[in-house]
Amino acid sequence: MMKTEELKLTQEWDKTFPKSEKVSHSKVTFVNHFGITLVADMYVPKDASGKLPAIAVSGPFGACKEQASGLYAQTMAERGFITIAFDPSFTGESGGFPRAMHSPDIDVEDFQAAVDFLSVQDNVDPERIGIIGICGWGGMALQTACADTRIKATVTSTMYDMSRVAGNGYFDSADSKEARKAAREAVSKQRTEDYRNGSYVRAGGVVDPLPEDAPFFVKDYYDYYKTDRGYHVRSLNSNEGWTVQAGTSLANTRLFTYAGEIDSAVLMIHGEKAHSCYMSQDAFKLLNGDNKELLIIPDAVHTDLYDGGDKDYIPFDRMESFFNEYLK
């Protein structure tokens, strides 16, 4: 028998994007296989009738459902899909303790639990379910597509391979035995201190104040997470970040081992000028089949695909046609 954690859910609209009058919005909860209660925003087209295709959305990594994933979910609901944007375990309004932790195994399970939930809704066709993963959750979406054959179509947007970053550093700059040993030693020391103190030190979200000599990708994150454009009180990246030891499992894991065996459709979207574009380009090389596509958005940087940037960079029309083709 599944037991639901008692959670306090915000009822008023507190998203970083305007509320659409074309869809109905509600809060829903469901439990994953680790017993953690996940909280999601559900978006349903107001003119909906019969059983519709459905999409589960999450990301970016360290964000909350009131940010980019909610925008994607609401927009796709305007286009005829039943959608949910969920907070992963240990983050946002979802349950799980300690807070601000994660594991790649639980991350994938969270996506599968979202599919569980959608599959049994009266207004959802369980044979027409897709997922969207943004940033680090793009990598988790691709990993979930490796495991769950109920998923008929997957979109990744501005994807991060978090296992690669955790193990090799940004731009593979720490891809050496010595660098990884130093990182392990630091995290191992922190584990002892956390246990001794009975608390978990947080790593800090996006750096604030922003140094003048910060790399462009740090400035890009700051421009979204630390300004009115995308700040949210429940976003890890906007505030204290993950726990220092949260990346242990990722650093000891490699995603996409069986990516070449994904039979279902995959659309990978990335900005041409995003610092992270190499991750989608490399992951796409692992995929096989005519139902796979890599779509590069000219001039777009990483966070332009969080909220559209200043030129509506998110290709919602292409996403709609992709899902209509493969969730028919």
C-alpha atoms as a PDB file:
ATOM      1  CA  MET A   1       0.000   0.000   0.000  1.00  0.00           C
ATOM      2  CA  MET A   2       1.505   3.338  -1.049  1.00  0.00           C
ATOM      3  CA  LYS A   3       1.638   6.016   1.627  1.00  0.00           C
ATOM      4  CA  THR A   4       1.681   9.687   0.718  1.00  0.00           C
ATOM      5  CA  GLU A   5       3.841  12.168   2.585  1.00  0.00           C
ATOM      6  CA  GLU A   6       2.031  15.153   4.049  1.00  0.00           C
ATOM      7  CA  LEU A   7       3.218  18.129   2.045  1.00  0.00           C
ATOM      8  CA  LYS A   8       2.258  21.792   2.108  1.00  0.00           C
ATOM      9  CA  LEU A   9       1.387  22.857  -1.428  1.00  0.00           C
ATOM     10  CA  THR A  10       1.188  26.420  -2.669  1.00  0.00           C
ATOM     11  CA  GLN A  11      -2.240  27.031  -4.135  1.00  0.00           C
ATOM     12  CA  GLU A  12      -1.788  30.481  -5.640  1.00  0.00           C
ATOM     13  CA  TRP A  13      -0.154  31.002  -9.022  1.00  0.00           C
ATOM     14  CA  ASP A  14       3.568  31.612  -8.333  1.00  0.00           C
ATOM     15  CA  LYS A  15       5.213  30.732 -11.652  1.00  0.00           C
ATOM     16  CA  THR A  16       7.886  32.696 -13.496  1.00  0.00           C
ATOM     17  CA  PHE A  17       5.608  32.833 -16.559  1.00  0.00           C
ATOM     18  CA  PRO A  18       2.055  34.154 -17.111  1.00  0.00           C
ATOM     19  CA  LYS A  19      -0.952  31.905 -16.537  1.00  0.00           C
ATOM     20  CA  SER A  20      -2.688  30.784 -19.717  1.00  0.00           C
ATOM     21  CA  GLU A  21      -6.452  31.072 -20.016  1.00  0.00           C
ATOM     22  CA  LYS A  22      -6.481  28.266 -22.590  1.00  0.00           C
ATOM     23  CA  VAL A  23      -5.740  25.495 -20.099  1.00  0.00           C
ATOM     24  CA  SER A  24      -6.942  24.311 -16.698  1.00  0.00           C
ATOM     25  CA  HIS A  25      -4.270  24.098 -14.009  1.00  0.00           C
ATOM     26  CA  SER A  26      -4.194  21.950 -10.865  1.00  0.00           C
ATOM     27  CA  LYS A  27      -1.731  20.443  -8.381  1.00  0.00           C
ATOM     28  CA  VAL A  28      -1.374  16.653  -8.373  1.00  0.00           C
ATOM     29  CA  THR A  29       0.738  14.187  -6.397  1.00  0.00           C
ATOM     30  CA  PHE A  30       1.997  10.665  -7.001  1.00  0.00           C
ATOM     31  CA  VAL A  31       4.444   8.297  -5.303  1.00  0.00           C
ATOM     32  CA  ASN A  32       7.575   6.829  -6.858  1.00  0.00           C
ATOM     33  CA  HIS A  33       9.000   3.372  -6.186  1.00  0.00           C
ATOM     34  CA  PHE A  34      11.215   4.749  -3.439  1.00  0.00           C
ATOM     35  CA  GLY A  35       8.162   5.900  -1.503  1.00  0.00           C
ATOM     36  CA  ILE A  36       8.748   9.594  -2.207  1.00  0.00           C
ATOM     37  CA  THR A  37       5.734  11.751  -2.980  1.00  0.00           C
ATOM     38  CA  LEU A  38       6.215  13.915  -6.054  1.00  0.00           C
ATOM     39  CA  VAL A  39       4.279  17.104  -6.667  1.00  0.00           C
ATOM     40  CA  ALA A  40       3.381  18.257 -10.157  1.00  0.00           C
ATOM     41  CA  ASP A  41       1.430  20.974 -11.903  1.00  0.00           C
ATOM     42  CA  MET A  42      -1.071  19.463 -14.317  1.00  0.00           C
ATOM     43  CA  TYR A  43      -2.173  21.402 -17.395  1.00  0.00           C
ATOM     44  CA  VAL A  44      -5.241  20.283 -19.382  1.00  0.00           C
ATOM     45  CA  PRO A  45      -6.610  21.944 -22.546  1.00  0.00           C
ATOM     46  CA  LYS A  46      -9.927  23.580 -21.668  1.00  0.00           C
ATOM     47  CA  ASP A  47     -11.572  22.202 -24.810  1.00  0.00           C
ATOM     48  CA  ALA A  48     -10.298  18.678 -24.094  1.00  0.00           C
ATOM     49  CA  SER A  49     -12.545  15.694 -24.752  1.00  0.00           C
ATOM     50  CA  GLY A  50     -11.894  11.976 -24.880  1.00  0.00           C
ATOM     51  CA  LYS A  51      -8.468  10.457 -24.243  1.00  0.00           C
ATOM     52  CA  LEU A  52      -5.568  12.700 -25.189  1.00  0.00           C
ATOM     53  CA  PRO A  53      -1.822  12.222 -25.600  1.00  0.00           C
ATOM     54  CA  ALA A  54       0.185  13.223 -22.531  1.00  0.00           C
ATOM     55  CA  ILE A  55       3.653  14.572 -21.753  1.00  0.00           C
ATOM     56  CA  ALA A  56       5.664  14.617 -18.513  1.00  0.00           C
ATOM     57  CA  VAL A  57       8.179  17.460 -18.171  1.00  0.00           C
ATOM     58  CA  SER A  58      11.048  18.184 -15.785  1.00  0.00           C
ATOM     59  CA  GLY A  59      14.172  20.312 -15.528  1.00  0.00           C
ATOM     60  CA  PRO A  60      16.440  22.125 -15.629  1.00  0.00           C
ATOM     61  CA  PHE A  61      18.730  20.385 -13.132  1.00  0.00           C
ATOM     62  CA  GLY A  62      18.343  22.270  -9.859  1.00  0.00           C
ATOM     63  CA  ALA A  63      15.303  24.227 -11.033  1.00  0.00           C
ATOM     64  CA  CYS A  64      11.667  23.869  -9.955  1.00  0.00           C
ATOM     65  CA  LYS A  65       8.427  23.281 -11.839  1.00  0.00           C
ATOM     66  CA  GLU A  66       7.520  26.946 -11.572  1.00  0.00           C
ATOM     67  CA  GLN A  67      10.341  27.771 -13.963  1.00  0.00           C
ATOM     68  CA  ALA A  68      11.148  26.348 -17.417  1.00  0.00           C
ATOM     69  CA  SER A  69       9.415  22.962 -17.105  1.00  0.00           C
ATOM     70  CA  GLY A  70       6.129  24.626 -16.227  1.00  0.00           C
ATOM     71  CA  LEU A  71       6.393  26.938 -19.220  1.00  0.00           C
ATOM     72  CA  TYR A  72       6.988  23.963 -21.513  1.00  0.00           C
ATOM     73  CA  ALA A  73       4.123  21.998 -19.943  1.00  0.00           C
ATOM     74  CA  GLN A  74       1.614  24.841 -20.129  1.00  0.00           C
ATOM     75  CA  THR A  75       2.552  25.687 -23.725  1.00  0.00           C
ATOM     76  CA  MET A  76       2.229  22.080 -24.873  1.00  0.00           C
ATOM     77  CA  ALA A  77      -1.154  21.864 -23.122  1.00  0.00           C
ATOM     78  CA  GLU A  78      -2.255  24.885 -25.145  1.00  0.00           C
ATOM     79  CA  ARG A  79      -1.421  22.760 -28.182  1.00  0.00           C
ATOM     80  CA  GLY A  80      -3.651  19.845 -27.210  1.00  0.00           C
ATOM     81  CA  PHE A  81      -1.628  17.663 -24.834  1.00  0.00           C
ATOM     82  CA  ILE A  82      -2.314  16.814 -21.211  1.00  0.00           C
ATOM     83  CA  THR A  83       0.900  17.678 -19.408  1.00  0.00           C
ATOM     84  CA  ILE A  84       2.515  17.621 -15.997  1.00  0.00           C
ATOM     85  CA  ALA A  85       5.613  19.479 -14.827  1.00  0.00           C
ATOM     86  CA  PHE A  86       6.995  17.813 -11.709  1.00  0.00           C
ATOM     87  CA  ASP A  87       9.504  18.619  -9.004  1.00  0.00           C
ATOM     88  CA  PRO A  88      12.060  15.802  -8.684  1.00  0.00           C
ATOM     89  CA  SER A  89      12.558  13.997  -5.381  1.00  0.00           C
ATOM     90  CA  PHE A  90      14.127  16.063  -2.578  1.00  0.00           C
ATOM     91  CA  THR A  91      13.431  19.357  -4.354  1.00  0.00           C
ATOM     92  CA  GLY A  92      10.706  21.978  -4.727  1.00  0.00           C
ATOM     93  CA  GLU A  93       7.359  20.939  -3.300  1.00  0.00           C
ATOM     94  CA  SER A  94       8.102  17.224  -3.668  1.00  0.00           C
ATOM     95  CA  GLY A  95       8.951  15.063  -0.680  1.00  0.00           C
ATOM     96  CA  GLY A  96      12.088  13.234   0.303  1.00  0.00           C
ATOM     97  CA  PHE A  97      14.738  13.829   2.938  1.00  0.00           C
ATOM     98  CA  PRO A  98      17.442  15.051   3.168  1.00  0.00           C
ATOM     99  CA  ARG A  99      16.612  17.993   0.970  1.00  0.00           C
ATOM    100  CA  ALA A 100      18.597  19.045  -2.105  1.00  0.00           C
ATOM    101  CA  MET A 101      19.914  15.530  -2.723  1.00  0.00           C
ATOM    102  CA  HIS A 102      19.563  13.332  -5.803  1.00  0.00           C
ATOM    103  CA  SER A 103      20.662  10.104  -7.418  1.00  0.00           C
ATOM    104  CA  PRO A 104      20.612   9.292 -11.136  1.00  0.00           C
ATOM    105  CA  ASP A 105      18.659   6.126 -10.325  1.00  0.00           C
ATOM    106  CA  ILE A 106      15.998   8.076  -8.438  1.00  0.00           C
ATOM    107  CA  ASP A 107      15.990  10.758 -11.148  1.00  0.00           C
ATOM    108  CA  VAL A 108      15.047   8.152 -13.745  1.00  0.00           C
ATOM    109  CA  GLU A 109      12.501   6.623 -11.373  1.00  0.00           C
ATOM    110  CA  ASP A 110      10.878  10.036 -10.960  1.00  0.00           C
ATOM    111  CA  PHE A 111      10.285  10.242 -14.721  1.00  0.00           C
ATOM    112  CA  GLN A 112       8.912   6.691 -14.716  1.00  0.00           C
ATOM    113  CA  ALA A 113       6.626   7.520 -11.785  1.00  0.00           C
ATOM    114  CA  ALA A 114       5.291  10.457 -13.793  1.00  0.00           C
ATOM    115  CA  VAL A 115       4.520   8.039 -16.626  1.00  0.00           C
ATOM    116  CA  ASP A 116       2.835   5.730 -14.089  1.00  0.00           C
ATOM    117  CA  PHE A 117       0.584   8.597 -13.036  1.00  0.00           C
ATOM    118  CA  LEU A 118      -0.311   9.693 -16.547  1.00  0.00           C
ATOM    119  CA  SER A 119      -0.962   6.135 -17.699  1.00  0.00           C
ATOM    120  CA  VAL A 120      -3.951   5.672 -15.373  1.00  0.00           C
ATOM    121  CA  GLN A 121      -5.677   9.029 -15.856  1.00  0.00           C
ATOM    122  CA  ASP A 122      -9.150   8.727 -17.370  1.00  0.00           C
ATOM    123  CA  ASN A 123      -8.461  11.465 -19.917  1.00  0.00           C
ATOM    124  CA  VAL A 124      -5.060  10.100 -21.067  1.00  0.00           C
ATOM    125  CA  ASP A 125      -4.385   7.533 -23.780  1.00  0.00           C
ATOM    126  CA  PRO A 126      -1.681   5.359 -22.159  1.00  0.00           C
ATOM    127  CA  GLU A 127      -0.358   4.377 -25.583  1.00  0.00           C
ATOM    128  CA  ARG A 128       0.453   8.027 -26.372  1.00  0.00           C
ATOM    129  CA  ILE A 129       2.810   9.255 -23.675  1.00  0.00           C
ATOM    130  CA  GLY A 130       5.964  11.319 -24.183  1.00  0.00           C
ATOM    131  CA  ILE A 131       8.470  13.133 -22.005  1.00  0.00           C
ATOM    132  CA  ILE A 132      10.440  16.382 -22.155  1.00  0.00           C
ATOM    133  CA  GLY A 133      13.663  16.908 -20.239  1.00  0.00           C
ATOM    134  CA  ILE A 134      15.376  20.284 -20.002  1.00  0.00           C
ATOM    135  CA  CYS A 135      19.088  20.835 -19.279  1.00  0.00           C
ATOM    136  CA  GLY A 136      20.312  18.112 -16.880  1.00  0.00           C
ATOM    137  CA  TRP A 137      16.893  16.535 -16.967  1.00  0.00           C
ATOM    138  CA  GLY A 138      17.303  16.219 -20.713  1.00  0.00           C
ATOM    139  CA  GLY A 139      19.991  13.676 -19.941  1.00  0.00           C
ATOM    140  CA  MET A 140      17.710  11.957 -17.444  1.00  0.00           C
ATOM    141  CA  ALA A 141      14.902  11.912 -20.030  1.00  0.00           C
ATOM    142  CA  LEU A 142      17.168  10.193 -22.542  1.00  0.00           C
ATOM    143  CA  GLN A 143      18.253   7.726 -19.869  1.00  0.00           C
ATOM    144  CA  THR A 144      14.612   7.022 -19.017  1.00  0.00           C
ATOM    145  CA  ALA A 145      13.798   6.420 -22.678  1.00  0.00           C
ATOM    146  CA  CYS A 146      16.462   3.687 -22.555  1.00  0.00           C
ATOM    147  CA  ALA A 147      14.527   1.930 -19.787  1.00  0.00           C
ATOM    148  CA  ASP A 148      10.809   2.539 -20.256  1.00  0.00           C
ATOM    149  CA  THR A 149       9.073   1.301 -23.404  1.00  0.00           C
ATOM    150  CA  ARG A 150       5.825   3.069 -22.469  1.00  0.00           C
ATOM    151  CA  ILE A 151       7.501   6.296 -23.581  1.00  0.00           C
ATOM    152  CA  LYS A 152       6.787   6.709 -27.280  1.00  0.00           C
ATOM    153  CA  ALA A 153       8.571  10.024 -27.862  1.00  0.00           C
ATOM    154  CA  THR A 154      11.252  11.994 -26.025  1.00  0.00           C
ATOM    155  CA  VAL A 155      12.358  15.608 -26.381  1.00  0.00           C
ATOM    156  CA  THR A 156      15.562  16.880 -24.808  1.00  0.00           C
ATOM    157  CA  SER A 157      16.156  20.623 -24.714  1.00  0.00           C
ATOM    158  CA  THR A 158      19.542  22.273 -24.085  1.00  0.00           C
ATOM    159  CA  MET A 159      20.613  18.895 -22.673  1.00  0.00           C
ATOM    160  CA  TYR A 160      23.291  18.313 -20.059  1.00  0.00           C
ATOM    161  CA  ASP A 161      24.936  14.950 -19.475  1.00  0.00           C
ATOM    162  CA  MET A 162      25.258  15.456 -15.718  1.00  0.00           C
ATOM    163  CA  SER A 163      27.329  12.307 -15.263  1.00  0.00           C
ATOM    164  CA  ARG A 164      29.906  13.656 -17.699  1.00  0.00           C
ATOM    165  CA  VAL A 165      30.044  17.031 -15.934  1.00  0.00           C
ATOM    166  CA  ALA A 166      30.267  15.401 -12.501  1.00  0.00           C
ATOM    167  CA  GLY A 167      33.079  13.101 -13.597  1.00  0.00           C
ATOM    168  CA  ASN A 168      34.994  15.292 -16.047  1.00  0.00           C
ATOM    169  CA  GLY A 169      34.094  18.873 -15.137  1.00  0.00           C
ATOM    170  CA  TYR A 170      32.769  21.549 -17.473  1.00  0.00           C
ATOM    171  CA  PHE A 171      34.116  21.162 -21.011  1.00  0.00           C
ATOM    172  CA  ASP A 172      35.891  17.984 -19.796  1.00  0.00           C
ATOM    173  CA  SER A 173      38.449  20.288 -18.152  1.00  0.00           C
ATOM    174  CA  ALA A 174      38.912  17.959 -15.150  1.00  0.00           C
ATOM    175  CA  ASP A 175      39.032  14.703 -17.096  1.00  0.00           C
ATOM    176  CA  SER A 176      41.970  13.129 -15.305  1.00  0.00           C
ATOM    177  CA  LYS A 177      42.546  10.595 -12.564  1.00  0.00           C
ATOM    178  CA  GLU A 178      44.178  13.257 -10.393  1.00  0.00           C
ATOM    179  CA  ALA A 179      41.292  15.719 -10.734  1.00  0.00           C
ATOM    180  CA  ARG A 180      38.710  13.084  -9.956  1.00  0.00           C
ATOM    181  CA  LYS A 181      40.704  11.928  -6.921  1.00  0.00           C
ATOM    182  CA  ALA A 182      40.828  15.477  -5.574  1.00  0.00           C
ATOM    183  CA  ALA A 183      37.070  15.829  -6.036  1.00  0.00           C
ATOM    184  CA  ARG A 184      36.434  12.505  -4.278  1.00  0.00           C
ATOM    185  CA  GLU A 185      38.641  13.495  -1.373  1.00  0.00           C
ATOM    186  CA  ALA A 186      36.788  16.791  -0.913  1.00  0.00           C
ATOM    187  CA  VAL A 187      33.363  15.151  -0.975  1.00  0.00           C
ATOM    188  CA  SER A 188      34.467  12.309   1.305  1.00  0.00           C
ATOM    189  CA  LYS A 189      35.731  14.839   3.854  1.00  0.00           C
ATOM    190  CA  GLN A 190      32.441  16.729   3.623  1.00  0.00           C
ATOM    191  CA  ARG A 191      30.463  13.545   4.309  1.00  0.00           C
ATOM    192  CA  THR A 192      32.294  13.096   7.604  1.00  0.00           C
ATOM    193  CA  GLU A 193      31.675  16.707   8.583  1.00  0.00           C
ATOM    194  CA  ASP A 194      28.003  16.513   7.634  1.00  0.00           C
ATOM    195  CA  TYR A 195      27.536  13.363   9.687  1.00  0.00           C
ATOM    196  CA  ARG A 196      29.350  14.889  12.659  1.00  0.00           C
ATOM    197  CA  ASN A 197      27.238  18.051  12.498  1.00  0.00           C
ATOM    198  CA  GLY A 198      23.935  16.350  11.737  1.00  0.00           C
ATOM    199  CA  SER A 199      23.270  18.614   8.764  1.00  0.00           C
ATOM    200  CA  TYR A 200      24.114  18.882   5.077  1.00  0.00           C
ATOM    201  CA  VAL A 201      26.205  21.748   3.776  1.00  0.00           C
ATOM    202  CA  ARG A 202      24.882  23.215   0.548  1.00  0.00           C
ATOM    203  CA  ALA A 203      27.183  23.939  -2.381  1.00  0.00           C
ATOM    204  CA  GLY A 204      25.577  27.262  -3.257  1.00  0.00           C
ATOM    205  CA  GLY A 205      23.457  27.923  -6.321  1.00  0.00           C
ATOM    206  CA  VAL A 206      24.463  30.237  -9.158  1.00  0.00           C
ATOM    207  CA  VAL A 207      27.250  32.500  -7.910  1.00  0.00           C
ATOM    208  CA  ASP A 208      26.012  35.805  -6.475  1.00  0.00           C
ATOM    209  CA  PRO A 209      27.311  38.487  -6.650  1.00  0.00           C
ATOM    210  CA  LEU A 210      28.512  37.823 -10.161  1.00  0.00           C
ATOM    211  CA  PRO A 211      32.280  38.309 -10.584  1.00  0.00           C
ATOM    212  CA  GLU A 212      33.278  40.630 -13.412  1.00  0.00           C
ATOM    213  CA  ASP A 213      35.557  37.961 -14.858  1.00  0.00           C
ATOM    214  CA  ALA A 214      32.948  35.171 -14.679  1.00  0.00           C
ATOM    215  CA  PRO A 215      32.831  32.883 -17.745  1.00  0.00           C
ATOM    216  CA  PHE A 216      29.980  33.522 -20.159  1.00  0.00           C
ATOM    217  CA  PHE A 217      28.075  30.389 -19.166  1.00  0.00           C
ATOM    218  CA  VAL A 218      28.047  31.556 -15.516  1.00  0.00           C
ATOM    219  CA  LYS A 219      26.732  34.955 -16.623  1.00  0.00           C
ATOM    220  CA  ASP A 220      24.121  33.148 -18.690  1.00  0.00           C
ATOM    221  CA  TYR A 221      22.914  31.193 -15.643  1.00  0.00           C
ATOM    222  CA  TYR A 222      22.950  34.312 -13.471  1.00  0.00           C
ATOM    223  CA  ASP A 223      20.828  36.175 -16.011  1.00  0.00           C
ATOM    224  CA  TYR A 224      18.119  33.530 -15.636  1.00  0.00           C
ATOM    225  CA  TYR A 225      18.246  32.205 -12.085  1.00  0.00           C
ATOM    226  CA  LYS A 226      19.230  35.356 -10.184  1.00  0.00           C
ATOM    227  CA  THR A 227      17.066  37.974 -11.866  1.00  0.00           C
ATOM    228  CA  ASP A 228      13.348  38.639 -12.190  1.00  0.00           C
ATOM    229  CA  ARG A 229      13.502  36.713 -15.460  1.00  0.00           C
ATOM    230  CA  GLY A 230      13.655  33.326 -13.737  1.00  0.00           C
ATOM    231  CA  TYR A 231      14.255  33.574  -9.981  1.00  0.00           C
ATOM    232  CA  HIS A 232      12.077  31.387  -7.771  1.00  0.00           C
ATOM    233  CA  VAL A 233      12.200  30.890  -4.041  1.00  0.00           C
ATOM    234  CA  ARG A 234      12.030  27.072  -4.333  1.00  0.00           C
ATOM    235  CA  SER A 235      14.682  26.775  -7.045  1.00  0.00           C
ATOM    236  CA  LEU A 236      17.969  25.291  -5.846  1.00  0.00           C
ATOM    237  CA  ASN A 237      19.926  27.137  -8.511  1.00  0.00           C
ATOM    238  CA  SER A 238      18.339  30.440  -7.524  1.00  0.00           C
ATOM    239  CA  ASN A 239      19.280  29.937  -3.875  1.00  0.00           C
ATOM    240  CA  GLU A 240      21.585  27.638  -1.853  1.00  0.00           C
ATOM    241  CA  GLY A 241      22.031  24.930  -4.489  1.00  0.00           C
ATOM    242  CA  TRP A 242      22.479  21.188  -4.037  1.00  0.00           C
ATOM    243  CA  THR A 243      24.197  19.645  -1.039  1.00  0.00           C
ATOM    244  CA  VAL A 244      27.964  19.393  -1.488  1.00  0.00           C
ATOM    245  CA  GLN A 245      27.808  15.601  -1.567  1.00  0.00           C
ATOM    246  CA  ALA A 246      24.825  15.370  -3.935  1.00  0.00           C
ATOM    247  CA  GLY A 247      26.938  14.611  -7.004  1.00  0.00           C
ATOM    248  CA  THR A 248      28.647  11.510  -5.591  1.00  0.00           C
ATOM    249  CA  SER A 249      26.516   9.004  -7.491  1.00  0.00           C
ATOM    250  CA  LEU A 250      26.665  10.969 -10.734  1.00  0.00           C
ATOM    251  CA  ALA A 251      30.448  11.158 -10.615  1.00  0.00           C
ATOM    252  CA  ASN A 252      30.553   7.366 -10.312  1.00  0.00           C
ATOM    253  CA  THR A 253      28.008   6.743 -13.089  1.00  0.00           C
ATOM    254  CA  ARG A 254      27.835   7.087 -16.853  1.00  0.00           C
ATOM    255  CA  LEU A 255      24.519   7.737 -18.532  1.00  0.00           C
ATOM    256  CA  PHE A 256      23.483   6.566 -22.017  1.00  0.00           C
ATOM    257  CA  THR A 257      25.056   3.087 -21.890  1.00  0.00           C
ATOM    258  CA  TYR A 258      22.128   1.705 -23.891  1.00  0.00           C
ATOM    259  CA  ALA A 259      21.149   4.868 -25.755  1.00  0.00           C
ATOM    260  CA  GLY A 260      21.768   3.105 -29.051  1.00  0.00           C
ATOM    261  CA  GLU A 261      18.949   0.693 -28.221  1.00  0.00           C
ATOM    262  CA  ILE A 262      16.230   3.353 -27.879  1.00  0.00           C
ATOM    263  CA  ASP A 263      13.615   2.358 -30.431  1.00  0.00           C
ATOM    264  CA  SER A 264      11.189   5.203 -29.724  1.00  0.00           C
ATOM    265  CA  ALA A 265      11.438   8.654 -31.284  1.00  0.00           C
ATOM    266  CA  VAL A 266      13.871  11.246 -29.943  1.00  0.00           C
ATOM    267  CA  LEU A 267      14.162  14.946 -30.766  1.00  0.00           C
ATOM    268  CA  MET A 268      17.223  16.674 -29.294  1.00  0.00           C
ATOM    269  CA  ILE A 269      17.163  20.492 -29.332  1.00  0.00           C
ATOM    270  CA  HIS A 270      20.124  22.714 -28.541  1.00  0.00           C
ATOM    271  CA  GLY A 271      21.259  26.290 -29.035  1.00  0.00           C
ATOM    272  CA  GLU A 272      24.058  26.851 -31.521  1.00  0.00           C
ATOM    273  CA  LYS A 273      25.939  29.148 -29.130  1.00  0.00           C
ATOM    274  CA  ALA A 274      25.161  27.243 -25.922  1.00  0.00           C
ATOM    275  CA  HIS A 275      28.277  26.294 -23.952  1.00  0.00           C
ATOM    276  CA  SER A 276      26.671  22.862 -23.519  1.00  0.00           C
ATOM    277  CA  CYS A 277      25.956  22.121 -27.180  1.00  0.00           C
ATOM    278  CA  TYR A 278      28.732  19.524 -27.373  1.00  0.00           C
ATOM    279  CA  MET A 279      26.809  17.295 -24.980  1.00  0.00           C
ATOM    280  CA  SER A 280      23.776  16.965 -27.260  1.00  0.00           C
ATOM    281  CA  GLN A 281      25.999  16.553 -30.307  1.00  0.00           C
ATOM    282  CA  ASP A 282      27.937  13.717 -28.661  1.00  0.00           C
ATOM    283  CA  ALA A 283      24.850  12.007 -27.214  1.00  0.00           C
ATOM    284  CA  PHE A 284      23.059  12.169 -30.560  1.00  0.00           C
ATOM    285  CA  LYS A 285      25.878  10.151 -32.128  1.00  0.00           C
ATOM    286  CA  LEU A 286      24.901   7.269 -29.847  1.00  0.00           C
ATOM    287  CA  LEU A 287      21.335   7.073 -31.191  1.00  0.00           C
ATOM    288  CA  ASN A 288      20.150   4.882 -34.033  1.00  0.00           C
ATOM    289  CA  GLY A 289      17.149   4.984 -36.354  1.00  0.00           C
ATOM    290  CA  ASP A 290      15.308   7.303 -38.697  1.00  0.00           C
ATOM    291  CA  ASN A 291      13.093   8.574 -35.865  1.00  0.00           C
ATOM    292  CA  LYS A 292      15.953  10.522 -34.225  1.00  0.00           C
ATOM    293  CA  GLU A 293      16.675  14.206 -34.882  1.00  0.00           C
ATOM    294  CA  LEU A 294      19.153  16.808 -33.628  1.00  0.00           C
ATOM    295  CA  LEU A 295      17.790  20.330 -34.059  1.00  0.00           C
ATOM    296  CA  ILE A 296      20.290  23.162 -33.587  1.00  0.00           C
ATOM    297  CA  ILE A 297      18.745  26.595 -32.969  1.00  0.00           C
ATOM    298  CA  PRO A 298      20.822  29.350 -34.629  1.00  0.00           C
ATOM    299  CA  ASP A 299      22.361  31.959 -32.286  1.00  0.00           C
ATOM    300  CA  ALA A 300      20.651  30.585 -29.149  1.00  0.00           C
ATOM    301  CA  VAL A 301      22.614  30.222 -25.897  1.00  0.00           C
ATOM    302  CA  HIS A 302      21.898  27.717 -23.129  1.00  0.00           C
ATOM    303  CA  THR A 303      19.214  29.572 -21.152  1.00  0.00           C
ATOM    304  CA  ASP A 304      17.474  30.865 -24.289  1.00  0.00           C
ATOM    305  CA  LEU A 305      15.802  27.442 -24.326  1.00  0.00           C
ATOM    306  CA  TYR A 306      14.622  27.857 -20.719  1.00  0.00           C
ATOM    307  CA  ASP A 307      12.156  30.630 -21.464  1.00  0.00           C
ATOM    308  CA  GLY A 308      12.646  31.547 -25.116  1.00  0.00           C
ATOM    309  CA  GLY A 309      15.132  34.345 -24.509  1.00  0.00           C
ATOM    310  CA  ASP A 310      14.501  37.597 -26.366  1.00  0.00           C
ATOM    311  CA  LYS A 311      13.663  35.933 -29.688  1.00  0.00           C
ATOM    312  CA  ASP A 312      11.293  33.079 -28.776  1.00  0.00           C
ATOM    313  CA  TYR A 313      14.020  30.527 -29.424  1.00  0.00           C
ATOM    314  CA  ILE A 314      12.055  27.525 -28.106  1.00  0.00           C
ATOM    315  CA  PRO A 315      10.765  25.637 -31.187  1.00  0.00           C
ATOM    316  CA  PHE A 316       7.324  24.779 -29.843  1.00  0.00           C
ATOM    317  CA  ASP A 317       5.912  24.348 -33.359  1.00  0.00           C
ATOM    318  CA  ARG A 318       8.484  21.651 -34.122  1.00  0.00           C
ATOM    319  CA  MET A 319       7.890  19.988 -30.766  1.00  0.00           C
ATOM    320  CA  GLU A 320       4.154  19.932 -31.432  1.00  0.00           C
ATOM    321  CA  SER A 321       4.575  18.336 -34.872  1.00  0.00           C
ATOM    322  CA  PHE A 322       7.075  15.832 -33.448  1.00  0.00           C
ATOM    323  CA  PHE A 323       4.725  14.692 -30.706  1.00  0.00           C
ATOM    324  CA  ASN A 324       1.748  14.663 -33.069  1.00  0.00           C
ATOM    325  CA  GLU A 325       3.693  12.370 -35.398  1.00  0.00           C
ATOM    326  CA  TYR A 326       4.895   9.910 -32.782  1.00  0.00           C
ATOM    327  CA  LEU A 327       2.010  10.031 -30.292  1.00  0.00           C
ATOM    328  CA  LYS A 328      -0.678   9.423 -32.903  1.00  0.00           C
END
